[in-house]
Amino acid sequence: EVIQVAKNINSITTKRREINGILETLEQL
């Protein structure tokens, strides 16, 4: 399991960063 944690993802910049980070890890693994 891959888990990312963020207080909120209300900002499009934050949401994009969190999603891209988890997608990169999913791809690698």
PDB file of all heavy atoms in Angstrom:
ATOM      1  N   GLU A   1       0.832  -1.199   0.000  1.00  0.00           N
ATOM      2  CA  GLU A   1       0.000   0.000   0.000  1.00  0.00           C
ATOM      3  C   GLU A   1       0.868   1.251   0.000  1.00  0.00           C
ATOM      4  O   GLU A   1       1.899   1.296   0.649  1.00  0.00           O
ATOM      5  CB  GLU A   1      -0.891  -0.019   1.240  1.00  0.00           C
ATOM      6  CG  GLU A   1      -2.034   0.947   1.220  1.00  0.00           C
ATOM      7  CD  GLU A   1      -2.991   0.678   2.366  1.00  0.00           C
ATOM      8  OE1 GLU A   1      -2.553   0.444   3.501  1.00  0.00           O
ATOM      9  OE2 GLU A   1      -4.197   0.703   2.106  1.00  0.00           O
ATOM     10  N   VAL A   2       0.412   2.247  -0.758  1.00  0.00           N
ATOM     11  CA  VAL A   2       1.089   3.531  -0.863  1.00  0.00           C
ATOM     12  C   VAL A   2       0.153   4.583  -0.287  1.00  0.00           C
ATOM     13  O   VAL A   2      -1.000   4.683  -0.704  1.00  0.00           O
ATOM     14  CB  VAL A   2       1.413   3.839  -2.341  1.00  0.00           C
ATOM     15  CG1 VAL A   2       2.016   5.214  -2.496  1.00  0.00           C
ATOM     16  CG2 VAL A   2       2.333   2.772  -2.921  1.00  0.00           C
ATOM     17  N   ILE A   3       0.661   5.369   0.682  1.00  0.00           N
ATOM     18  CA  ILE A   3      -0.192   6.349   1.356  1.00  0.00           C
ATOM     19  C   ILE A   3       0.476   7.716   1.347  1.00  0.00           C
ATOM     20  O   ILE A   3       1.644   7.848   1.707  1.00  0.00           O
ATOM     21  CB  ILE A   3      -0.474   5.927   2.810  1.00  0.00           C
ATOM     22  CG1 ILE A   3      -1.148   4.555   2.850  1.00  0.00           C
ATOM     23  CG2 ILE A   3      -1.324   6.978   3.524  1.00  0.00           C
ATOM     24  CD1 ILE A   3      -1.279   3.958   4.243  1.00  0.00           C
ATOM     25  N   GLN A   4      -0.292   8.707   0.945  1.00  0.00           N
ATOM     26  CA  GLN A   4       0.116  10.102   0.973  1.00  0.00           C
ATOM     27  C   GLN A   4      -0.780  10.801   1.998  1.00  0.00           C
ATOM     28  O   GLN A   4      -1.949  10.449   2.134  1.00  0.00           O
ATOM     29  CB  GLN A   4      -0.095  10.706  -0.421  1.00  0.00           C
ATOM     30  CG  GLN A   4       0.546  12.014  -0.661  1.00  0.00           C
ATOM     31  CD  GLN A   4       2.003  11.883  -1.067  1.00  0.00           C
ATOM     32  OE1 GLN A   4       2.640  10.865  -0.938  1.00  0.00           O
ATOM     33  NE2 GLN A   4       2.556  12.979  -1.529  1.00  0.00           N
ATOM     34  N   VAL A   5      -0.256  11.766   2.733  1.00  0.00           N
ATOM     35  CA  VAL A   5      -1.031  12.471   3.750  1.00  0.00           C
ATOM     36  C   VAL A   5      -0.943  13.976   3.520  1.00  0.00           C
ATOM     37  O   VAL A   5       0.142  14.510   3.290  1.00  0.00           O
ATOM     38  CB  VAL A   5      -0.521  12.140   5.172  1.00  0.00           C
ATOM     39  CG1 VAL A   5      -1.325  12.882   6.228  1.00  0.00           C
ATOM     40  CG2 VAL A   5      -0.557  10.639   5.422  1.00  0.00           C
ATOM     41  N   ALA A   6      -2.107  14.637   3.575  1.00  0.00           N
ATOM     42  CA  ALA A   6      -2.163  16.095   3.449  1.00  0.00           C
ATOM     43  C   ALA A   6      -3.331  16.594   4.302  1.00  0.00           C
ATOM     44  O   ALA A   6      -4.371  15.949   4.354  1.00  0.00           O
ATOM     45  CB  ALA A   6      -2.375  16.506   2.001  1.00  0.00           C
ATOM     46  N   LYS A   7      -3.140  17.715   4.967  1.00  0.00           N
ATOM     47  CA  LYS A   7      -4.228  18.272   5.781  1.00  0.00           C
ATOM     48  C   LYS A   7      -5.465  18.487   4.921  1.00  0.00           C
ATOM     49  O   LYS A   7      -6.560  18.076   5.280  1.00  0.00           O
ATOM     50  CB  LYS A   7      -3.806  19.588   6.435  1.00  0.00           C
ATOM     51  CG  LYS A   7      -4.900  20.211   7.273  1.00  0.00           C
ATOM     52  CD  LYS A   7      -4.395  21.401   8.051  1.00  0.00           C
ATOM     53  CE  LYS A   7      -5.475  22.142   8.784  1.00  0.00           C
ATOM     54  NZ  LYS A   7      -6.256  21.409   9.716  1.00  0.00           N
ATOM     55  N   ASN A   8      -5.293  19.127   3.792  1.00  0.00           N
ATOM     56  CA  ASN A   8      -6.377  19.266   2.822  1.00  0.00           C
ATOM     57  C   ASN A   8      -5.765  19.431   1.438  1.00  0.00           C
ATOM     58  O   ASN A   8      -4.580  19.697   1.300  1.00  0.00           O
ATOM     59  CB  ASN A   8      -7.315  20.435   3.165  1.00  0.00           C
ATOM     60  CG  ASN A   8      -6.632  21.775   3.047  1.00  0.00           C
ATOM     61  OD1 ASN A   8      -6.179  22.160   1.976  1.00  0.00           O
ATOM     62  ND2 ASN A   8      -6.541  22.495   4.155  1.00  0.00           N
ATOM     63  N   ILE A   9      -6.587  19.231   0.458  1.00  0.00           N
ATOM     64  CA  ILE A   9      -6.131  19.386  -0.925  1.00  0.00           C
ATOM     65  C   ILE A   9      -7.045  20.379  -1.645  1.00  0.00           C
ATOM     66  O   ILE A   9      -7.367  20.212  -2.816  1.00  0.00           O
ATOM     67  CB  ILE A   9      -6.055  18.031  -1.646  1.00  0.00           C
ATOM     68  CG1 ILE A   9      -7.362  17.261  -1.531  1.00  0.00           C
ATOM     69  CG2 ILE A   9      -4.897  17.209  -1.138  1.00  0.00           C
ATOM     70  CD1 ILE A   9      -7.418  15.996  -2.355  1.00  0.00           C
ATOM     71  N   ASN A  10      -7.446  21.409  -0.930  1.00  0.00           N
ATOM     72  CA  ASN A  10      -8.346  22.424  -1.480  1.00  0.00           C
ATOM     73  C   ASN A  10      -7.693  23.222  -2.607  1.00  0.00           C
ATOM     74  O   ASN A  10      -8.353  23.615  -3.557  1.00  0.00           O
ATOM     75  CB  ASN A  10      -8.820  23.377  -0.383  1.00  0.00           C
ATOM     76  CG  ASN A  10      -9.604  22.643   0.688  1.00  0.00           C
ATOM     77  OD1 ASN A  10     -10.180  21.593   0.439  1.00  0.00           O
ATOM     78  ND2 ASN A  10      -9.617  23.183   1.877  1.00  0.00           N
ATOM     79  N   SER A  11      -6.409  23.459  -2.497  1.00  0.00           N
ATOM     80  CA  SER A  11      -5.679  24.174  -3.531  1.00  0.00           C
ATOM     81  C   SER A  11      -5.387  23.218  -4.687  1.00  0.00           C
ATOM     82  O   SER A  11      -4.940  22.089  -4.475  1.00  0.00           O
ATOM     83  CB  SER A  11      -4.358  24.709  -2.954  1.00  0.00           C
ATOM     84  OG  SER A  11      -3.411  24.924  -3.964  1.00  0.00           O
ATOM     85  N   ILE A  12      -5.639  23.661  -5.913  1.00  0.00           N
ATOM     86  CA  ILE A  12      -5.356  22.827  -7.079  1.00  0.00           C
ATOM     87  C   ILE A  12      -3.880  22.465  -7.155  1.00  0.00           C
ATOM     88  O   ILE A  12      -3.519  21.362  -7.558  1.00  0.00           O
ATOM     89  CB  ILE A  12      -5.853  23.476  -8.397  1.00  0.00           C
ATOM     90  CG1 ILE A  12      -5.788  22.478  -9.550  1.00  0.00           C
ATOM     91  CG2 ILE A  12      -5.068  24.732  -8.718  1.00  0.00           C
ATOM     92  CD1 ILE A  12      -6.753  21.349  -9.445  1.00  0.00           C
ATOM     93  N   THR A  13      -3.014  23.364  -6.707  1.00  0.00           N
ATOM     94  CA  THR A  13      -1.572  23.100  -6.702  1.00  0.00           C
ATOM     95  C   THR A  13      -1.247  21.961  -5.737  1.00  0.00           C
ATOM     96  O   THR A  13      -0.487  21.048  -6.072  1.00  0.00           O
ATOM     97  CB  THR A  13      -0.791  24.373  -6.302  1.00  0.00           C
ATOM     98  OG1 THR A  13      -1.139  25.415  -7.207  1.00  0.00           O
ATOM     99  CG2 THR A  13       0.710  24.136  -6.340  1.00  0.00           C
ATOM    100  N   THR A  14      -1.822  22.010  -4.559  1.00  0.00           N
ATOM    101  CA  THR A  14      -1.597  20.956  -3.559  1.00  0.00           C
ATOM    102  C   THR A  14      -2.162  19.631  -4.048  1.00  0.00           C
ATOM    103  O   THR A  14      -1.505  18.589  -3.959  1.00  0.00           O
ATOM    104  CB  THR A  14      -2.236  21.338  -2.214  1.00  0.00           C
ATOM    105  OG1 THR A  14      -1.688  22.580  -1.784  1.00  0.00           O
ATOM    106  CG2 THR A  14      -1.995  20.268  -1.163  1.00  0.00           C
ATOM    107  N   LYS A  15      -3.370  19.659  -4.569  1.00  0.00           N
ATOM    108  CA  LYS A  15      -4.003  18.429  -5.055  1.00  0.00           C
ATOM    109  C   LYS A  15      -3.166  17.801  -6.155  1.00  0.00           C
ATOM    110  O   LYS A  15      -2.906  16.593  -6.142  1.00  0.00           O
ATOM    111  CB  LYS A  15      -5.416  18.730  -5.546  1.00  0.00           C
ATOM    112  CG  LYS A  15      -6.203  17.496  -5.923  1.00  0.00           C
ATOM    113  CD  LYS A  15      -7.645  17.863  -6.253  1.00  0.00           C
ATOM    114  CE  LYS A  15      -8.471  16.619  -6.514  1.00  0.00           C
ATOM    115  NZ  LYS A  15      -9.885  16.963  -6.770  1.00  0.00           N
ATOM    116  N   ARG A  16      -2.727  18.604  -7.101  1.00  0.00           N
ATOM    117  CA  ARG A  16      -1.906  18.102  -8.208  1.00  0.00           C
ATOM    118  C   ARG A  16      -0.600  17.510  -7.683  1.00  0.00           C
ATOM    119  O   ARG A  16      -0.171  16.435  -8.117  1.00  0.00           O
ATOM    120  CB  ARG A  16      -1.628  19.237  -9.193  1.00  0.00           C
ATOM    121  CG  ARG A  16      -1.004  18.766 -10.482  1.00  0.00           C
ATOM    122  CD  ARG A  16      -0.849  19.887 -11.493  1.00  0.00           C
ATOM    123  NE  ARG A  16      -2.152  20.423 -11.855  1.00  0.00           N
ATOM    124  CZ  ARG A  16      -2.437  21.719 -11.947  1.00  0.00           C
ATOM    125  NH1 ARG A  16      -1.512  22.615 -11.715  1.00  0.00           N
ATOM    126  NH2 ARG A  16      -3.641  22.121 -12.289  1.00  0.00           N
ATOM    127  N   ARG A  17       0.049  18.198  -6.726  1.00  0.00           N
ATOM    128  CA  ARG A  17       1.313  17.713  -6.166  1.00  0.00           C
ATOM    129  C   ARG A  17       1.115  16.363  -5.466  1.00  0.00           C
ATOM    130  O   ARG A  17       1.902  15.430  -5.660  1.00  0.00           O
ATOM    131  CB  ARG A  17       1.877  18.735  -5.180  1.00  0.00           C
ATOM    132  CG  ARG A  17       3.209  18.304  -4.581  1.00  0.00           C
ATOM    133  CD  ARG A  17       3.721  19.275  -3.530  1.00  0.00           C
ATOM    134  NE  ARG A  17       2.855  19.259  -2.354  1.00  0.00           N
ATOM    135  CZ  ARG A  17       2.219  20.315  -1.858  1.00  0.00           C
ATOM    136  NH1 ARG A  17       2.356  21.507  -2.408  1.00  0.00           N
ATOM    137  NH2 ARG A  17       1.462  20.206  -0.792  1.00  0.00           N
ATOM    138  N   GLU A  18       0.067  16.245  -4.671  1.00  0.00           N
ATOM    139  CA  GLU A  18      -0.183  14.991  -3.952  1.00  0.00           C
ATOM    140  C   GLU A  18      -0.512  13.846  -4.906  1.00  0.00           C
ATOM    141  O   GLU A  18      -0.018  12.728  -4.746  1.00  0.00           O
ATOM    142  CB  GLU A  18      -1.320  15.182  -2.936  1.00  0.00           C
ATOM    143  CG  GLU A  18      -1.044  16.218  -1.861  1.00  0.00           C
ATOM    144  CD  GLU A  18       0.138  15.875  -0.966  1.00  0.00           C
ATOM    145  OE1 GLU A  18       0.417  14.694  -0.736  1.00  0.00           O
ATOM    146  OE2 GLU A  18       0.779  16.821  -0.482  1.00  0.00           O
ATOM    147  N   ILE A  19      -1.329  14.116  -5.898  1.00  0.00           N
ATOM    148  CA  ILE A  19      -1.690  13.083  -6.873  1.00  0.00           C
ATOM    149  C   ILE A  19      -0.472  12.667  -7.696  1.00  0.00           C
ATOM    150  O   ILE A  19      -0.217  11.472  -7.873  1.00  0.00           O
ATOM    151  CB  ILE A  19      -2.832  13.570  -7.782  1.00  0.00           C
ATOM    152  CG1 ILE A  19      -4.126  13.657  -6.961  1.00  0.00           C
ATOM    153  CG2 ILE A  19      -3.010  12.659  -8.994  1.00  0.00           C
ATOM    154  CD1 ILE A  19      -5.263  14.355  -7.669  1.00  0.00           C
ATOM    155  N   ASN A  20       0.295  13.633  -8.177  1.00  0.00           N
ATOM    156  CA  ASN A  20       1.485  13.296  -8.969  1.00  0.00           C
ATOM    157  C   ASN A  20       2.500  12.507  -8.153  1.00  0.00           C
ATOM    158  O   ASN A  20       3.126  11.575  -8.660  1.00  0.00           O
ATOM    159  CB  ASN A  20       2.123  14.556  -9.546  1.00  0.00           C
ATOM    160  CG  ASN A  20       1.303  15.149 -10.664  1.00  0.00           C
ATOM    161  OD1 ASN A  20       0.468  14.483 -11.277  1.00  0.00           O
ATOM    162  ND2 ASN A  20       1.510  16.425 -10.940  1.00  0.00           N
ATOM    163  N   GLY A  21       2.657  12.862  -6.878  1.00  0.00           N
ATOM    164  CA  GLY A  21       3.587  12.131  -6.021  1.00  0.00           C
ATOM    165  C   GLY A  21       3.192  10.680  -5.836  1.00  0.00           C
ATOM    166  O   GLY A  21       4.030   9.772  -5.917  1.00  0.00           O
ATOM    167  N   ILE A  22       1.914  10.454  -5.604  1.00  0.00           N
ATOM    168  CA  ILE A  22       1.475   9.075  -5.393  1.00  0.00           C
ATOM    169  C   ILE A  22       1.497   8.291  -6.706  1.00  0.00           C
ATOM    170  O   ILE A  22       1.857   7.113  -6.723  1.00  0.00           O
ATOM    171  CB  ILE A  22       0.103   9.015  -4.689  1.00  0.00           C
ATOM    172  CG1 ILE A  22      -0.047   7.690  -3.955  1.00  0.00           C
ATOM    173  CG2 ILE A  22      -1.043   9.268  -5.621  1.00  0.00           C
ATOM    174  CD1 ILE A  22      -1.153   7.663  -2.938  1.00  0.00           C
ATOM    175  N   LEU A  23       1.149   8.937  -7.831  1.00  0.00           N
ATOM    176  CA  LEU A  23       1.205   8.251  -9.125  1.00  0.00           C
ATOM    177  C   LEU A  23       2.636   7.832  -9.466  1.00  0.00           C
ATOM    178  O   LEU A  23       2.859   6.727  -9.972  1.00  0.00           O
ATOM    179  CB  LEU A  23       0.644   9.137 -10.232  1.00  0.00           C
ATOM    180  CG  LEU A  23      -0.867   9.256 -10.295  1.00  0.00           C
ATOM    181  CD1 LEU A  23      -1.284  10.298 -11.331  1.00  0.00           C
ATOM    182  CD2 LEU A  23      -1.517   7.912 -10.595  1.00  0.00           C
ATOM    183  N   GLU A  24       3.592   8.689  -9.186  1.00  0.00           N
ATOM    184  CA  GLU A  24       4.990   8.361  -9.446  1.00  0.00           C
ATOM    185  C   GLU A  24       5.416   7.126  -8.646  1.00  0.00           C
ATOM    186  O   GLU A  24       6.066   6.222  -9.165  1.00  0.00           O
ATOM    187  CB  GLU A  24       5.872   9.556  -9.092  1.00  0.00           C
ATOM    188  CG  GLU A  24       7.333   9.337  -9.396  1.00  0.00           C
ATOM    189  CD  GLU A  24       8.171  10.562  -9.075  1.00  0.00           C
ATOM    190  OE1 GLU A  24       7.685  11.703  -9.286  1.00  0.00           O
ATOM    191  OE2 GLU A  24       9.299  10.378  -8.611  1.00  0.00           O
ATOM    192  N   THR A  25       5.020   7.087  -7.387  1.00  0.00           N
ATOM    193  CA  THR A  25       5.366   5.944  -6.542  1.00  0.00           C
ATOM    194  C   THR A  25       4.670   4.676  -7.017  1.00  0.00           C
ATOM    195  O   THR A  25       5.273   3.601  -7.063  1.00  0.00           O
ATOM    196  CB  THR A  25       5.005   6.232  -5.068  1.00  0.00           C
ATOM    197  OG1 THR A  25       5.670   7.434  -4.670  1.00  0.00           O
ATOM    198  CG2 THR A  25       5.426   5.094  -4.164  1.00  0.00           C
ATOM    199  N   LEU A  26       3.386   4.779  -7.388  1.00  0.00           N
ATOM    200  CA  LEU A  26       2.659   3.618  -7.904  1.00  0.00           C
ATOM    201  C   LEU A  26       3.333   3.071  -9.155  1.00  0.00           C
ATOM    202  O   LEU A  26       3.471   1.850  -9.302  1.00  0.00           O
ATOM    203  CB  LEU A  26       1.198   3.990  -8.196  1.00  0.00           C
ATOM    204  CG  LEU A  26       0.316   4.278  -6.990  1.00  0.00           C
ATOM    205  CD1 LEU A  26      -1.032   4.832  -7.433  1.00  0.00           C
ATOM    206  CD2 LEU A  26       0.132   3.031  -6.134  1.00  0.00           C
ATOM    207  N   GLU A  27       3.749   3.957 -10.037  1.00  0.00           N
ATOM    208  CA  GLU A  27       4.440   3.528 -11.258  1.00  0.00           C
ATOM    209  C   GLU A  27       5.733   2.792 -10.925  1.00  0.00           C
ATOM    210  O   GLU A  27       6.003   1.721 -11.465  1.00  0.00           O
ATOM    211  CB  GLU A  27       4.758   4.741 -12.149  1.00  0.00           C
ATOM    212  CG  GLU A  27       3.575   5.328 -12.860  1.00  0.00           C
ATOM    213  CD  GLU A  27       3.110   4.483 -14.036  1.00  0.00           C
ATOM    214  OE1 GLU A  27       3.937   3.773 -14.637  1.00  0.00           O
ATOM    215  OE2 GLU A  27       1.904   4.540 -14.335  1.00  0.00           O
ATOM    216  N   GLN A  28       6.538   3.380 -10.046  1.00  0.00           N
ATOM    217  CA  GLN A  28       7.829   2.783  -9.686  1.00  0.00           C
ATOM    218  C   GLN A  28       7.657   1.402  -9.055  1.00  0.00           C
ATOM    219  O   GLN A  28       8.454   0.501  -9.306  1.00  0.00           O
ATOM    220  CB  GLN A  28       8.584   3.692  -8.727  1.00  0.00           C
ATOM    221  CG  GLN A  28       9.119   4.938  -9.363  1.00  0.00           C
ATOM    222  CD  GLN A  28       9.793   5.861  -8.361  1.00  0.00           C
ATOM    223  OE1 GLN A  28       9.866   5.566  -7.168  1.00  0.00           O
ATOM    224  NE2 GLN A  28      10.275   6.989  -8.837  1.00  0.00           N
ATOM    225  N   LEU A  29       6.624   1.252  -8.232  1.00  0.00           N
ATOM    226  CA  LEU A  29       6.414  -0.007  -7.513  1.00  0.00           C
ATOM    227  C   LEU A  29       5.491  -0.973  -8.252  1.00  0.00           C
ATOM    228  O   LEU A  29       5.220  -2.064  -7.768  1.00  0.00           O
ATOM    229  CB  LEU A  29       5.859   0.276  -6.120  1.00  0.00           C
ATOM    230  CG  LEU A  29       6.784   1.078  -5.211  1.00  0.00           C
ATOM    231  CD1 LEU A  29       6.075   1.435  -3.909  1.00  0.00           C
ATOM    232  CD2 LEU A  29       8.068   0.304  -4.941  1.00  0.00           C
TER     233      LEU A  29
END
